[in-house]
Amino acid sequence: MKRAEIVKIIKKEKIVAIVRMKEQLEVPAFINSLIKGGIKALEITSNTPGFYKEIANARNLYSQFGVLIGAGTVTNIEIAKEAIKAGAQFLVTPNTNIEVIKIAHTHDIPVLMGAVTPTEVCVAIENGADIIKLFPAGSLGINYFKSIKAPLDKVDFFVVGGINLSNIKDWMEAGAAGVGLGSVLTQTTIREGDINPIESTVKKFIQLIQN
């Protein structure tokens, strides 16, 4: 799959699920729940045990269903190279590192690049970042996002950090192109009538974002 096609899918889906687990054994079941809930793009973070192996496993299991498997917390080119080798279809960073963009694009893989300031956003875009990941969005706040979005209205921002069922609509109305969902999914608790609380929560997010 080409870089442009992957970007198109991510923008269409508007949600990237973040898989960051303390134990490697927890990863497969969590990914399975996300996909059953309707997630079509997910990133496995580099600080998850067995990071590279789980990317490869997820690619083998879910590529046939049209699910994109990316790598998250790609802070440098060493992680980027190993993630690409493992089969990552896109890279997500918390920081602005143009060298990561270069290595990714060499392999026709898109980058969702972390940026906070107008300078970081512009540097990332000028160097080919496919999507800007505004992180940590929740700490910065919607007013900050609106302020940075105003002069940079042509930039596609995915907001990450602090996004939940109560505020996702506000972020989208403020101009976000999509969201990254992490701890709000892993901290999901069992509710009465929920067979799979993670799957149920994912479906609620998808319904809200599609509306």
N, C-alpha and C. Protein backbone atom coordinates (compact mmCIF):
# COMPACT_ATOMS: atom_id res chain seq x y z
N MET A 1 0.85 -1.20 0.00
CA MET A 1 0.00 0.00 0.00
C MET A 1 0.88 1.25 0.00
N LYS A 2 0.56 2.20 -0.86
CA LYS A 2 1.35 3.41 -1.00
C LYS A 2 1.06 4.40 0.15
N ARG A 3 2.05 5.27 0.37
CA ARG A 3 1.95 6.27 1.42
C ARG A 3 0.68 7.11 1.30
N ALA A 4 0.38 7.60 0.10
CA ALA A 4 -0.79 8.45 -0.09
C ALA A 4 -2.09 7.73 0.25
N GLU A 5 -2.15 6.46 -0.07
CA GLU A 5 -3.35 5.66 0.23
C GLU A 5 -3.51 5.47 1.73
N ILE A 6 -2.40 5.24 2.42
CA ILE A 6 -2.45 5.07 3.88
C ILE A 6 -2.93 6.36 4.55
N VAL A 7 -2.39 7.48 4.11
CA VAL A 7 -2.80 8.77 4.66
C VAL A 7 -4.29 9.01 4.44
N LYS A 8 -4.75 8.67 3.26
CA LYS A 8 -6.17 8.85 2.93
C LYS A 8 -7.06 8.05 3.87
N ILE A 9 -6.67 6.83 4.16
CA ILE A 9 -7.45 5.97 5.07
C ILE A 9 -7.46 6.54 6.47
N ILE A 10 -6.30 6.96 6.97
CA ILE A 10 -6.21 7.51 8.32
C ILE A 10 -7.08 8.75 8.46
N LYS A 11 -7.04 9.63 7.47
CA LYS A 11 -7.86 10.84 7.52
C LYS A 11 -9.35 10.51 7.44
N LYS A 12 -9.67 9.49 6.68
CA LYS A 12 -11.07 9.09 6.56
C LYS A 12 -11.58 8.50 7.88
N GLU A 13 -10.77 7.66 8.50
CA GLU A 13 -11.19 7.01 9.75
C GLU A 13 -11.24 7.97 10.93
N LYS A 14 -10.31 8.93 10.95
CA LYS A 14 -10.28 10.00 11.96
C LYS A 14 -9.87 9.53 13.37
N ILE A 15 -9.64 8.25 13.55
CA ILE A 15 -9.21 7.74 14.85
C ILE A 15 -8.00 6.83 14.67
N VAL A 16 -6.95 7.11 15.46
CA VAL A 16 -5.82 6.20 15.58
C VAL A 16 -5.78 5.74 17.03
N ALA A 17 -5.93 4.44 17.24
CA ALA A 17 -5.88 3.89 18.60
C ALA A 17 -4.42 3.67 18.99
N ILE A 18 -4.10 4.02 20.22
CA ILE A 18 -2.72 3.91 20.72
C ILE A 18 -2.61 2.69 21.64
N VAL A 19 -1.76 1.76 21.25
CA VAL A 19 -1.55 0.54 22.03
C VAL A 19 -0.27 0.70 22.82
N ARG A 20 -0.41 1.03 24.09
CA ARG A 20 0.73 1.16 25.00
C ARG A 20 0.43 0.32 26.24
N MET A 21 1.08 -0.83 26.34
CA MET A 21 0.79 -1.77 27.42
C MET A 21 2.04 -2.03 28.26
N LYS A 22 1.82 -2.41 29.51
CA LYS A 22 2.94 -2.73 30.40
C LYS A 22 3.46 -4.15 30.20
N GLU A 23 2.57 -5.03 29.75
CA GLU A 23 2.93 -6.43 29.55
C GLU A 23 2.66 -6.83 28.11
N GLN A 24 3.60 -7.51 27.50
CA GLN A 24 3.43 -7.94 26.10
C GLN A 24 2.24 -8.88 25.95
N LEU A 25 1.99 -9.71 26.95
CA LEU A 25 0.90 -10.67 26.86
C LEU A 25 -0.47 -9.99 26.73
N GLU A 26 -0.55 -8.73 27.15
CA GLU A 26 -1.82 -8.01 27.09
C GLU A 26 -2.11 -7.44 25.69
N VAL A 27 -1.09 -7.35 24.86
CA VAL A 27 -1.22 -6.67 23.58
C VAL A 27 -2.20 -7.33 22.61
N PRO A 28 -2.08 -8.64 22.34
CA PRO A 28 -2.97 -9.26 21.33
C PRO A 28 -4.46 -9.12 21.64
N ALA A 29 -4.84 -9.35 22.90
CA ALA A 29 -6.26 -9.27 23.27
C ALA A 29 -6.77 -7.84 23.15
N PHE A 30 -5.93 -6.88 23.53
CA PHE A 30 -6.33 -5.47 23.44
C PHE A 30 -6.53 -5.06 21.99
N ILE A 31 -5.60 -5.44 21.12
CA ILE A 31 -5.73 -5.12 19.70
C ILE A 31 -6.98 -5.77 19.12
N ASN A 32 -7.23 -7.00 19.50
CA ASN A 32 -8.42 -7.71 19.01
C ASN A 32 -9.69 -6.98 19.40
N SER A 33 -9.76 -6.47 20.62
CA SER A 33 -10.94 -5.72 21.08
C SER A 33 -11.10 -4.42 20.29
N LEU A 34 -9.99 -3.74 20.04
CA LEU A 34 -10.03 -2.50 19.27
C LEU A 34 -10.61 -2.74 17.88
N ILE A 35 -10.13 -3.79 17.24
CA ILE A 35 -10.56 -4.09 15.88
C ILE A 35 -12.01 -4.55 15.84
N LYS A 36 -12.42 -5.33 16.82
CA LYS A 36 -13.82 -5.74 16.91
C LYS A 36 -14.73 -4.52 17.09
N GLY A 37 -14.21 -3.51 17.77
CA GLY A 37 -14.99 -2.29 17.98
C GLY A 37 -15.10 -1.43 16.73
N GLY A 38 -14.20 -1.69 15.76
CA GLY A 38 -14.27 -0.94 14.51
C GLY A 38 -13.04 -0.11 14.17
N ILE A 39 -11.97 -0.22 14.98
CA ILE A 39 -10.75 0.53 14.70
C ILE A 39 -10.08 0.00 13.43
N LYS A 40 -9.67 0.93 12.56
CA LYS A 40 -9.02 0.56 11.31
C LYS A 40 -7.56 1.02 11.25
N ALA A 41 -7.13 1.81 12.24
CA ALA A 41 -5.74 2.26 12.29
C ALA A 41 -5.28 2.31 13.74
N LEU A 42 -4.19 1.64 14.02
CA LEU A 42 -3.67 1.63 15.39
C LEU A 42 -2.16 1.68 15.37
N GLU A 43 -1.61 2.24 16.43
CA GLU A 43 -0.15 2.31 16.59
C GLU A 43 0.25 1.54 17.84
N ILE A 44 1.29 0.74 17.73
CA ILE A 44 1.87 0.05 18.88
C ILE A 44 3.11 0.85 19.27
N THR A 45 3.16 1.33 20.50
CA THR A 45 4.24 2.23 20.91
C THR A 45 5.54 1.50 21.19
N SER A 46 6.63 2.20 21.00
CA SER A 46 7.95 1.59 21.15
C SER A 46 8.30 1.25 22.60
N ASN A 47 7.55 1.83 23.56
CA ASN A 47 7.80 1.48 24.96
C ASN A 47 6.85 0.40 25.46
N THR A 48 6.22 -0.31 24.53
CA THR A 48 5.45 -1.51 24.85
C THR A 48 6.38 -2.71 24.71
N PRO A 49 6.47 -3.58 25.71
CA PRO A 49 7.33 -4.76 25.60
C PRO A 49 6.99 -5.59 24.37
N GLY A 50 8.02 -6.04 23.66
CA GLY A 50 7.80 -6.84 22.46
C GLY A 50 7.28 -6.02 21.29
N PHE A 51 7.54 -4.73 21.32
CA PHE A 51 7.07 -3.76 20.32
C PHE A 51 7.18 -4.27 18.89
N TYR A 52 8.38 -4.63 18.46
CA TYR A 52 8.59 -5.03 17.07
C TYR A 52 7.86 -6.33 16.74
N LYS A 53 7.91 -7.27 17.66
CA LYS A 53 7.25 -8.56 17.44
C LYS A 53 5.75 -8.39 17.33
N GLU A 54 5.16 -7.51 18.16
CA GLU A 54 3.71 -7.32 18.13
C GLU A 54 3.26 -6.58 16.87
N ILE A 55 4.11 -5.73 16.32
CA ILE A 55 3.79 -5.10 15.03
C ILE A 55 3.70 -6.17 13.96
N ALA A 56 4.71 -7.04 13.93
CA ALA A 56 4.73 -8.11 12.93
C ALA A 56 3.54 -9.05 13.10
N ASN A 57 3.23 -9.41 14.35
CA ASN A 57 2.10 -10.30 14.62
C ASN A 57 0.78 -9.68 14.16
N ALA A 58 0.60 -8.41 14.49
CA ALA A 58 -0.64 -7.72 14.13
C ALA A 58 -0.78 -7.59 12.62
N ARG A 59 0.32 -7.32 11.94
CA ARG A 59 0.28 -7.25 10.47
C ARG A 59 -0.17 -8.59 9.89
N ASN A 60 0.38 -9.67 10.41
CA ASN A 60 0.04 -11.00 9.91
C ASN A 60 -1.43 -11.35 10.14
N LEU A 61 -1.96 -10.91 11.29
CA LEU A 61 -3.32 -11.27 11.66
C LEU A 61 -4.38 -10.39 11.00
N TYR A 62 -4.09 -9.09 10.86
CA TYR A 62 -5.17 -8.16 10.53
C TYR A 62 -5.06 -7.41 9.21
N SER A 63 -3.94 -7.53 8.52
CA SER A 63 -3.81 -6.81 7.24
C SER A 63 -4.88 -7.24 6.24
N GLN A 64 -5.26 -8.51 6.31
CA GLN A 64 -6.27 -9.02 5.37
C GLN A 64 -7.64 -8.37 5.59
N PHE A 65 -7.81 -7.74 6.77
CA PHE A 65 -9.09 -7.09 7.07
C PHE A 65 -9.02 -5.58 6.84
N GLY A 66 -7.92 -5.12 6.24
CA GLY A 66 -7.80 -3.70 5.93
C GLY A 66 -7.43 -2.83 7.10
N VAL A 67 -6.86 -3.43 8.16
CA VAL A 67 -6.46 -2.67 9.34
C VAL A 67 -5.01 -2.21 9.18
N LEU A 68 -4.77 -0.92 9.43
CA LEU A 68 -3.42 -0.37 9.35
C LEU A 68 -2.72 -0.51 10.70
N ILE A 69 -1.51 -1.06 10.67
CA ILE A 69 -0.72 -1.24 11.88
C ILE A 69 0.49 -0.32 11.83
N GLY A 70 0.54 0.64 12.73
CA GLY A 70 1.65 1.59 12.76
C GLY A 70 2.50 1.43 13.99
N ALA A 71 3.54 2.24 14.06
CA ALA A 71 4.44 2.27 15.21
C ALA A 71 4.34 3.64 15.86
N GLY A 72 4.24 3.65 17.20
CA GLY A 72 4.14 4.90 17.93
C GLY A 72 5.35 5.16 18.81
N THR A 73 5.45 6.38 19.32
CA THR A 73 6.58 6.81 20.14
C THR A 73 7.89 6.55 19.40
N VAL A 74 7.88 6.92 18.13
CA VAL A 74 9.08 6.77 17.29
C VAL A 74 9.89 8.07 17.42
N THR A 75 10.75 8.11 18.39
CA THR A 75 11.46 9.35 18.72
C THR A 75 12.73 9.58 17.92
N ASN A 76 13.26 8.51 17.29
CA ASN A 76 14.53 8.65 16.55
C ASN A 76 14.58 7.69 15.37
N ILE A 77 15.61 7.81 14.56
CA ILE A 77 15.69 7.01 13.34
C ILE A 77 15.99 5.54 13.62
N GLU A 78 16.64 5.25 14.75
CA GLU A 78 16.91 3.85 15.09
C GLU A 78 15.60 3.09 15.31
N ILE A 79 14.70 3.69 16.08
CA ILE A 79 13.39 3.07 16.30
C ILE A 79 12.62 3.01 14.99
N ALA A 80 12.71 4.06 14.21
CA ALA A 80 11.99 4.11 12.93
C ALA A 80 12.43 2.96 12.02
N LYS A 81 13.72 2.75 11.91
CA LYS A 81 14.24 1.69 11.03
C LYS A 81 13.74 0.31 11.47
N GLU A 82 13.79 0.05 12.79
CA GLU A 82 13.36 -1.25 13.29
C GLU A 82 11.86 -1.45 13.13
N ALA A 83 11.11 -0.37 13.33
CA ALA A 83 9.65 -0.44 13.17
C ALA A 83 9.28 -0.75 11.73
N ILE A 84 9.94 -0.09 10.80
CA ILE A 84 9.69 -0.32 9.37
C ILE A 84 10.06 -1.76 9.02
N LYS A 85 11.17 -2.22 9.55
CA LYS A 85 11.62 -3.60 9.31
C LYS A 85 10.58 -4.60 9.82
N ALA A 86 9.92 -4.26 10.93
CA ALA A 86 8.91 -5.15 11.52
C ALA A 86 7.59 -5.13 10.75
N GLY A 87 7.44 -4.12 9.87
CA GLY A 87 6.23 -4.06 9.05
C GLY A 87 5.30 -2.90 9.33
N ALA A 88 5.73 -1.92 10.13
CA ALA A 88 4.88 -0.77 10.43
C ALA A 88 4.48 -0.05 9.15
N GLN A 89 3.20 0.29 9.04
CA GLN A 89 2.68 0.95 7.84
C GLN A 89 2.63 2.47 7.96
N PHE A 90 2.80 2.97 9.18
CA PHE A 90 2.94 4.41 9.40
C PHE A 90 3.67 4.61 10.72
N LEU A 91 4.28 5.78 10.87
CA LEU A 91 5.02 6.09 12.09
C LEU A 91 4.39 7.30 12.78
N VAL A 92 4.36 7.25 14.11
CA VAL A 92 3.83 8.35 14.91
C VAL A 92 4.89 8.76 15.91
N THR A 93 5.15 10.06 16.00
CA THR A 93 6.17 10.55 16.93
C THR A 93 5.54 11.50 17.96
N PRO A 94 6.15 11.61 19.16
CA PRO A 94 5.71 12.62 20.11
C PRO A 94 6.48 13.92 19.91
N ASN A 95 7.54 13.85 19.11
CA ASN A 95 8.47 14.97 18.93
C ASN A 95 8.62 15.34 17.46
N THR A 96 9.30 16.44 17.20
CA THR A 96 9.53 16.90 15.84
C THR A 96 10.95 16.52 15.44
N ASN A 97 11.06 15.46 14.65
CA ASN A 97 12.36 14.94 14.22
C ASN A 97 12.29 14.69 12.71
N ILE A 98 12.88 15.59 11.94
CA ILE A 98 12.75 15.50 10.48
C ILE A 98 13.48 14.29 9.92
N GLU A 99 14.45 13.77 10.66
CA GLU A 99 15.17 12.58 10.18
C GLU A 99 14.23 11.37 10.12
N VAL A 100 13.27 11.33 11.02
CA VAL A 100 12.28 10.25 11.00
C VAL A 100 11.43 10.34 9.73
N ILE A 101 11.09 11.56 9.34
CA ILE A 101 10.32 11.75 8.11
C ILE A 101 11.11 11.23 6.91
N LYS A 102 12.38 11.57 6.86
CA LYS A 102 13.21 11.16 5.73
C LYS A 102 13.27 9.65 5.57
N ILE A 103 13.52 8.94 6.67
CA ILE A 103 13.64 7.48 6.59
C ILE A 103 12.30 6.85 6.25
N ALA A 104 11.21 7.41 6.79
CA ALA A 104 9.88 6.87 6.52
C ALA A 104 9.51 7.04 5.04
N HIS A 105 9.73 8.22 4.52
CA HIS A 105 9.35 8.50 3.14
C HIS A 105 10.21 7.74 2.14
N THR A 106 11.43 7.40 2.54
CA THR A 106 12.28 6.55 1.71
C THR A 106 11.62 5.20 1.47
N HIS A 107 10.83 4.77 2.48
CA HIS A 107 10.13 3.49 2.39
C HIS A 107 8.65 3.68 2.03
N ASP A 108 8.29 4.89 1.59
CA ASP A 108 6.91 5.20 1.18
C ASP A 108 5.91 5.00 2.32
N ILE A 109 6.33 5.42 3.52
CA ILE A 109 5.51 5.30 4.73
C ILE A 109 5.23 6.70 5.29
N PRO A 110 3.98 7.00 5.65
CA PRO A 110 3.66 8.32 6.18
C PRO A 110 4.04 8.50 7.65
N VAL A 111 4.12 9.76 8.04
CA VAL A 111 4.47 10.11 9.42
C VAL A 111 3.44 11.06 10.00
N LEU A 112 2.94 10.70 11.19
CA LEU A 112 2.13 11.60 11.99
C LEU A 112 3.10 12.19 13.01
N MET A 113 3.52 13.43 12.77
CA MET A 113 4.61 14.00 13.56
C MET A 113 4.13 14.87 14.70
N GLY A 114 4.67 14.61 15.88
CA GLY A 114 4.33 15.39 17.06
C GLY A 114 4.90 16.80 16.97
N ALA A 115 4.07 17.78 17.32
CA ALA A 115 4.49 19.18 17.33
C ALA A 115 3.58 19.96 18.26
N VAL A 116 4.13 21.00 18.87
CA VAL A 116 3.36 21.82 19.81
C VAL A 116 3.30 23.28 19.36
N THR A 117 4.46 23.83 19.03
CA THR A 117 4.52 25.25 18.70
C THR A 117 4.30 25.49 17.20
N PRO A 118 3.96 26.72 16.81
CA PRO A 118 3.84 27.03 15.38
C PRO A 118 5.12 26.72 14.62
N THR A 119 6.27 26.99 15.24
CA THR A 119 7.55 26.70 14.58
C THR A 119 7.71 25.21 14.33
N GLU A 120 7.43 24.40 15.33
CA GLU A 120 7.55 22.95 15.16
C GLU A 120 6.60 22.45 14.08
N VAL A 121 5.39 22.95 14.09
CA VAL A 121 4.41 22.54 13.08
C VAL A 121 4.90 22.88 11.68
N CYS A 122 5.39 24.10 11.50
CA CYS A 122 5.85 24.54 10.18
C CYS A 122 7.08 23.77 9.73
N VAL A 123 8.01 23.52 10.65
CA VAL A 123 9.21 22.74 10.31
C VAL A 123 8.80 21.34 9.87
N ALA A 124 7.88 20.72 10.60
CA ALA A 124 7.42 19.37 10.26
C ALA A 124 6.75 19.35 8.89
N ILE A 125 5.87 20.30 8.63
CA ILE A 125 5.15 20.35 7.35
C ILE A 125 6.11 20.63 6.19
N GLU A 126 7.03 21.57 6.40
CA GLU A 126 7.98 21.92 5.34
C GLU A 126 8.88 20.74 4.98
N ASN A 127 9.05 19.82 5.92
CA ASN A 127 9.89 18.65 5.68
C ASN A 127 9.08 17.41 5.33
N GLY A 128 7.79 17.61 5.06
CA GLY A 128 6.99 16.53 4.49
C GLY A 128 6.13 15.73 5.43
N ALA A 129 6.00 16.14 6.70
CA ALA A 129 5.12 15.41 7.62
C ALA A 129 3.72 15.32 7.01
N ASP A 130 3.12 14.14 7.08
CA ASP A 130 1.84 13.90 6.41
C ASP A 130 0.65 14.41 7.23
N ILE A 131 0.78 14.30 8.55
CA ILE A 131 -0.25 14.77 9.49
C ILE A 131 0.50 15.31 10.70
N ILE A 132 -0.02 16.35 11.32
CA ILE A 132 0.57 16.85 12.56
C ILE A 132 -0.19 16.30 13.75
N LYS A 133 0.55 15.73 14.67
CA LYS A 133 -0.02 15.24 15.92
C LYS A 133 0.19 16.32 16.98
N LEU A 134 -0.87 17.00 17.37
CA LEU A 134 -0.77 18.01 18.42
C LEU A 134 -0.80 17.29 19.76
N PHE A 135 0.33 17.34 20.44
CA PHE A 135 0.47 16.57 21.68
C PHE A 135 1.32 17.35 22.68
N PRO A 136 0.86 17.45 23.95
CA PRO A 136 -0.36 16.87 24.53
C PRO A 136 -1.54 17.84 24.42
N ALA A 137 -2.49 17.48 23.61
CA ALA A 137 -3.61 18.37 23.30
C ALA A 137 -4.42 18.76 24.54
N GLY A 138 -4.70 17.77 25.40
CA GLY A 138 -5.51 18.05 26.58
C GLY A 138 -4.88 19.07 27.50
N SER A 139 -3.57 19.00 27.66
CA SER A 139 -2.86 19.95 28.53
C SER A 139 -2.82 21.34 27.90
N LEU A 140 -2.71 21.38 26.58
CA LEU A 140 -2.67 22.67 25.88
C LEU A 140 -4.05 23.32 25.85
N GLY A 141 -5.08 22.52 25.65
CA GLY A 141 -6.45 23.02 25.66
C GLY A 141 -6.96 23.40 24.28
N ILE A 142 -8.28 23.40 24.16
CA ILE A 142 -8.91 23.70 22.88
C ILE A 142 -8.63 25.14 22.43
N ASN A 143 -8.57 26.09 23.36
CA ASN A 143 -8.31 27.48 22.98
C ASN A 143 -6.93 27.62 22.34
N TYR A 144 -5.95 26.89 22.86
CA TYR A 144 -4.63 26.91 22.25
C TYR A 144 -4.69 26.34 20.83
N PHE A 145 -5.41 25.24 20.70
CA PHE A 145 -5.54 24.61 19.38
C PHE A 145 -6.19 25.57 18.39
N LYS A 146 -7.25 26.25 18.81
CA LYS A 146 -7.92 27.20 17.93
C LYS A 146 -6.97 28.31 17.50
N SER A 147 -6.13 28.75 18.44
CA SER A 147 -5.19 29.83 18.14
C SER A 147 -4.14 29.40 17.13
N ILE A 148 -3.65 28.18 17.27
CA ILE A 148 -2.62 27.69 16.34
C ILE A 148 -3.22 27.25 15.00
N LYS A 149 -4.46 26.82 15.04
CA LYS A 149 -5.14 26.38 13.82
C LYS A 149 -5.50 27.56 12.92
N ALA A 150 -5.76 28.72 13.51
CA ALA A 150 -6.19 29.88 12.73
C ALA A 150 -5.20 30.26 11.63
N PRO A 151 -3.92 30.46 11.95
CA PRO A 151 -2.97 30.80 10.87
C PRO A 151 -2.50 29.58 10.08
N LEU A 152 -2.71 28.40 10.64
CA LEU A 152 -2.24 27.17 9.98
C LEU A 152 -3.45 26.31 9.58
N ASP A 153 -4.40 26.95 8.95
CA ASP A 153 -5.68 26.31 8.66
C ASP A 153 -5.61 25.23 7.59
N LYS A 154 -4.51 25.17 6.85
CA LYS A 154 -4.36 24.14 5.81
C LYS A 154 -3.73 22.87 6.36
N VAL A 155 -3.31 22.90 7.62
CA VAL A 155 -2.63 21.75 8.23
C VAL A 155 -3.66 20.77 8.80
N ASP A 156 -3.44 19.50 8.57
CA ASP A 156 -4.29 18.47 9.16
C ASP A 156 -3.74 18.09 10.53
N PHE A 157 -4.49 18.42 11.58
CA PHE A 157 -4.08 18.13 12.95
C PHE A 157 -4.86 16.94 13.50
N PHE A 158 -4.15 15.97 14.06
CA PHE A 158 -4.77 14.95 14.89
C PHE A 158 -4.40 15.32 16.33
N VAL A 159 -5.42 15.46 17.18
CA VAL A 159 -5.16 15.87 18.56
C VAL A 159 -5.04 14.62 19.43
N VAL A 160 -4.04 14.62 20.30
CA VAL A 160 -3.74 13.43 21.10
C VAL A 160 -3.44 13.84 22.54
N GLY A 161 -4.05 13.12 23.49
CA GLY A 161 -3.83 13.40 24.90
C GLY A 161 -5.02 14.12 25.51
N GLY A 162 -5.73 13.43 26.36
CA GLY A 162 -6.86 14.06 27.04
C GLY A 162 -8.16 14.06 26.26
N ILE A 163 -8.23 13.30 25.18
CA ILE A 163 -9.46 13.23 24.39
C ILE A 163 -10.36 12.15 24.99
N ASN A 164 -11.62 12.48 25.22
CA ASN A 164 -12.56 11.51 25.80
C ASN A 164 -13.94 11.66 25.16
N LEU A 165 -14.87 10.83 25.62
CA LEU A 165 -16.22 10.85 25.04
C LEU A 165 -16.94 12.17 25.27
N SER A 166 -16.55 12.88 26.32
CA SER A 166 -17.23 14.14 26.65
C SER A 166 -16.75 15.32 25.82
N ASN A 167 -15.49 15.26 25.36
CA ASN A 167 -14.96 16.43 24.66
C ASN A 167 -14.58 16.21 23.20
N ILE A 168 -14.69 14.98 22.70
CA ILE A 168 -14.26 14.72 21.32
C ILE A 168 -15.03 15.57 20.31
N LYS A 169 -16.30 15.79 20.55
CA LYS A 169 -17.10 16.61 19.64
C LYS A 169 -16.57 18.04 19.61
N ASP A 170 -16.18 18.57 20.77
CA ASP A 170 -15.65 19.93 20.84
C ASP A 170 -14.35 20.07 20.03
N TRP A 171 -13.48 19.07 20.14
CA TRP A 171 -12.22 19.10 19.41
C TRP A 171 -12.46 19.05 17.89
N MET A 172 -13.39 18.21 17.49
CA MET A 172 -13.66 18.09 16.05
C MET A 172 -14.29 19.37 15.51
N GLU A 173 -15.17 19.97 16.29
CA GLU A 173 -15.80 21.22 15.87
C GLU A 173 -14.80 22.36 15.83
N ALA A 174 -13.73 22.23 16.63
CA ALA A 174 -12.69 23.26 16.66
C ALA A 174 -11.75 23.16 15.46
N GLY A 175 -11.88 22.06 14.70
CA GLY A 175 -11.08 21.94 13.49
C GLY A 175 -10.11 20.78 13.43
N ALA A 176 -10.15 19.89 14.42
CA ALA A 176 -9.27 18.72 14.37
C ALA A 176 -9.66 17.81 13.22
N ALA A 177 -8.67 17.25 12.54
CA ALA A 177 -8.93 16.32 11.44
C ALA A 177 -9.14 14.90 11.97
N GLY A 178 -8.69 14.69 13.21
CA GLY A 178 -8.84 13.37 13.82
C GLY A 178 -8.26 13.36 15.23
N VAL A 179 -8.27 12.19 15.84
CA VAL A 179 -7.81 12.07 17.23
C VAL A 179 -6.97 10.81 17.41
N GLY A 180 -6.15 10.84 18.44
CA GLY A 180 -5.45 9.64 18.89
C GLY A 180 -6.02 9.29 20.25
N LEU A 181 -6.36 8.03 20.44
CA LEU A 181 -6.97 7.58 21.69
C LEU A 181 -6.08 6.54 22.36
N GLY A 182 -5.66 6.83 23.59
CA GLY A 182 -4.78 5.92 24.30
C GLY A 182 -5.33 5.45 25.62
N SER A 183 -4.99 6.15 26.69
CA SER A 183 -5.37 5.72 28.04
C SER A 183 -6.87 5.67 28.24
N VAL A 184 -7.61 6.48 27.49
CA VAL A 184 -9.07 6.46 27.62
C VAL A 184 -9.63 5.09 27.24
N LEU A 185 -8.88 4.33 26.46
CA LEU A 185 -9.30 2.98 26.08
C LEU A 185 -8.75 1.93 27.04
N THR A 186 -7.49 2.07 27.42
CA THR A 186 -6.89 1.07 28.30
C THR A 186 -7.46 1.13 29.71
N GLN A 187 -7.98 2.29 30.10
CA GLN A 187 -8.54 2.45 31.44
C GLN A 187 -10.05 2.19 31.48
N THR A 188 -10.58 1.74 30.36
CA THR A 188 -12.01 1.43 30.28
C THR A 188 -12.38 0.36 31.30
N THR A 189 -13.45 0.58 32.01
CA THR A 189 -13.90 -0.38 33.03
C THR A 189 -15.17 -1.09 32.57
N ILE A 190 -15.41 -2.23 33.16
CA ILE A 190 -16.60 -3.02 32.81
C ILE A 190 -17.86 -2.33 33.32
N ARG A 191 -18.83 -2.18 32.44
CA ARG A 191 -20.12 -1.61 32.81
C ARG A 191 -21.19 -2.68 32.66
N GLU A 192 -22.27 -2.51 33.35
CA GLU A 192 -23.35 -3.48 33.29
C GLU A 192 -23.83 -3.66 31.86
N GLY A 193 -23.85 -4.88 31.41
CA GLY A 193 -24.32 -5.19 30.07
C GLY A 193 -23.23 -5.20 29.02
N ASP A 194 -22.01 -4.76 29.38
CA ASP A 194 -20.89 -4.77 28.43
C ASP A 194 -20.18 -6.11 28.46
N ILE A 195 -20.22 -6.82 27.35
CA ILE A 195 -19.46 -8.06 27.24
C ILE A 195 -17.99 -7.73 27.07
N ASN A 196 -17.70 -6.70 26.28
CA ASN A 196 -16.34 -6.25 26.06
C ASN A 196 -16.33 -4.72 26.19
N PRO A 197 -15.92 -4.18 27.34
CA PRO A 197 -15.99 -2.73 27.56
C PRO A 197 -15.13 -1.91 26.61
N ILE A 198 -13.98 -2.45 26.20
CA ILE A 198 -13.12 -1.72 25.27
C ILE A 198 -13.80 -1.62 23.91
N GLU A 199 -14.33 -2.72 23.46
CA GLU A 199 -15.05 -2.74 22.18
C GLU A 199 -16.22 -1.77 22.21
N SER A 200 -16.94 -1.77 23.32
CA SER A 200 -18.09 -0.89 23.48
C SER A 200 -17.69 0.58 23.44
N THR A 201 -16.59 0.91 24.13
CA THR A 201 -16.12 2.30 24.16
C THR A 201 -15.66 2.75 22.78
N VAL A 202 -14.96 1.90 22.07
CA VAL A 202 -14.51 2.22 20.71
C VAL A 202 -15.71 2.55 19.82
N LYS A 203 -16.75 1.73 19.91
CA LYS A 203 -17.94 1.96 19.09
C LYS A 203 -18.57 3.31 19.40
N LYS A 204 -18.55 3.73 20.67
CA LYS A 204 -19.10 5.02 21.05
C LYS A 204 -18.30 6.16 20.45
N PHE A 205 -16.97 6.02 20.48
CA PHE A 205 -16.11 7.05 19.88
C PHE A 205 -16.35 7.15 18.37
N ILE A 206 -16.44 6.00 17.72
CA ILE A 206 -16.64 5.99 16.27
C ILE A 206 -17.98 6.64 15.91
N GLN A 207 -19.00 6.33 16.68
CA GLN A 207 -20.32 6.91 16.42
C GLN A 207 -20.28 8.43 16.57
N LEU A 208 -19.61 8.92 17.61
CA LEU A 208 -19.53 10.35 17.84
C LEU A 208 -18.75 11.05 16.73
N ILE A 209 -17.63 10.46 16.33
CA ILE A 209 -16.78 11.11 15.34
C ILE A 209 -17.39 11.07 13.95
N GLN A 210 -18.18 10.04 13.66
CA GLN A 210 -18.84 9.97 12.36
C GLN A 210 -20.00 10.95 12.27
N ASN A 211 -20.58 11.26 13.42
CA ASN A 211 -21.69 12.21 13.45
C ASN A 211 -21.20 13.66 13.39
